[in-house]
Amino acid sequence: MNTRTALRTTFLPRGGGKDESAPVLIPKGCAVAYSVYSLHRRADLYGADAENFRPERWQEDLGLFRDETTTRWGYLPFNGGPRQCLGSK
């Protein structure tokens, strides 16, 4: 699990409500946790066989590549942002 603390009040664009499409309020000072392990096994991003080792998936039209946000933040082997692993490059 990775955690971050909100430096200012903000909103996540979706994830709230019954259908998870409503915005989510993140108040200043709130801790937000996320699991890279779980992210990398999302069937909507990696296909129905996301749990299987299948390198050729990177040559397919994955949900991971549907928009700029998921392309940039949907695969985080080295994390991202200012705390990105020094070995990523």
Protein backbone atom coordinates (compact mmCIF):
# COMPACT_ATOMS: atom_id res chain seq x y z
CA MET A 1 0.00 0.00 0.00
CA ASN A 2 1.13 3.53 -0.76
CA THR A 3 -0.29 6.55 1.02
CA ARG A 4 -0.34 10.24 0.31
CA THR A 5 -1.71 13.13 2.36
CA ALA A 6 -3.79 15.82 0.64
CA LEU A 7 -2.06 19.20 0.92
CA ARG A 8 -5.28 20.96 -0.06
CA THR A 9 -8.94 20.04 -0.35
CA THR A 10 -9.58 18.50 -3.75
CA PHE A 11 -11.80 16.04 -5.61
CA LEU A 12 -11.11 12.78 -7.37
CA PRO A 13 -13.07 12.94 -10.64
CA ARG A 14 -14.85 9.62 -10.05
CA GLY A 15 -15.08 6.71 -7.66
CA GLY A 16 -18.01 7.82 -5.51
CA GLY A 17 -21.67 6.87 -5.49
CA LYS A 18 -23.30 3.52 -6.19
CA ASP A 19 -21.93 3.32 -9.72
CA GLU A 20 -18.54 4.80 -8.76
CA SER A 21 -18.89 7.59 -11.34
CA ALA A 22 -19.46 10.49 -8.91
CA PRO A 23 -16.62 12.71 -7.68
CA VAL A 24 -14.99 11.98 -4.31
CA LEU A 25 -14.13 14.78 -1.86
CA ILE A 26 -10.63 14.58 -0.40
CA PRO A 27 -10.31 17.11 2.45
CA LYS A 28 -6.98 18.79 3.23
CA GLY A 29 -4.95 16.57 5.56
CA CYS A 30 -6.78 13.37 4.58
CA ALA A 31 -4.64 10.28 3.91
CA VAL A 32 -5.33 8.48 0.64
CA ALA A 33 -4.06 4.92 0.18
CA TYR A 34 -3.73 2.95 -3.04
CA SER A 35 -2.46 -0.49 -3.95
CA VAL A 36 -0.20 -0.83 -6.99
CA TYR A 37 -0.63 -4.61 -6.72
CA SER A 38 -4.40 -4.23 -7.19
CA LEU A 39 -4.04 -1.57 -9.88
CA HIS A 40 -1.91 -3.87 -12.02
CA ARG A 41 -4.59 -6.57 -11.89
CA ARG A 42 -7.58 -4.52 -13.05
CA ALA A 43 -9.39 -6.37 -15.82
CA ASP A 44 -10.74 -3.10 -17.28
CA LEU A 45 -7.16 -1.90 -17.88
CA TYR A 46 -5.27 -5.15 -18.57
CA GLY A 47 -7.89 -7.55 -19.92
CA ALA A 48 -9.83 -10.46 -18.44
CA ASP A 49 -6.60 -12.39 -17.88
CA ALA A 50 -4.88 -9.56 -15.98
CA GLU A 51 -3.66 -11.99 -13.30
CA ASN A 52 -1.66 -14.01 -15.86
CA PHE A 53 1.89 -13.28 -16.96
CA ARG A 54 1.46 -12.52 -20.64
CA PRO A 55 4.02 -10.01 -22.01
CA GLU A 56 2.36 -9.87 -25.44
CA ARG A 57 -0.55 -7.96 -23.85
CA TRP A 58 1.51 -4.76 -24.28
CA GLN A 59 1.08 -5.05 -28.05
CA GLU A 60 -2.73 -5.19 -27.76
CA ASP A 61 -5.38 -2.48 -27.58
CA LEU A 62 -5.65 -2.43 -23.78
CA GLY A 63 -8.04 -0.29 -21.75
CA LEU A 64 -4.83 1.02 -20.19
CA PHE A 65 -4.25 3.10 -23.32
CA ARG A 66 -7.77 4.60 -23.56
CA ASP A 67 -6.81 8.08 -22.36
CA GLU A 68 -3.86 10.14 -21.17
CA THR A 69 -4.58 9.61 -17.47
CA THR A 70 -4.72 5.80 -17.54
CA THR A 71 -1.76 5.66 -19.92
CA ARG A 72 0.32 7.73 -17.51
CA TRP A 73 -0.95 6.43 -14.16
CA GLY A 74 -2.35 2.95 -14.91
CA TYR A 75 1.01 1.21 -14.76
CA LEU A 76 3.23 2.16 -11.84
CA PRO A 77 6.08 -0.33 -11.42
CA PHE A 78 8.28 2.53 -10.18
CA ASN A 79 5.47 4.61 -8.67
CA GLY A 80 5.06 8.14 -10.05
CA GLY A 81 5.34 11.83 -9.41
CA PRO A 82 7.97 13.42 -7.17
CA ARG A 83 8.59 10.17 -5.27
CA GLN A 84 9.21 8.08 -8.36
CA CYS A 85 11.94 5.44 -8.02
CA LEU A 86 15.39 6.72 -8.97
CA GLY A 87 15.94 3.53 -11.00
CA SER A 88 12.96 4.13 -13.30
CA LYS A 89 15.07 5.70 -16.03
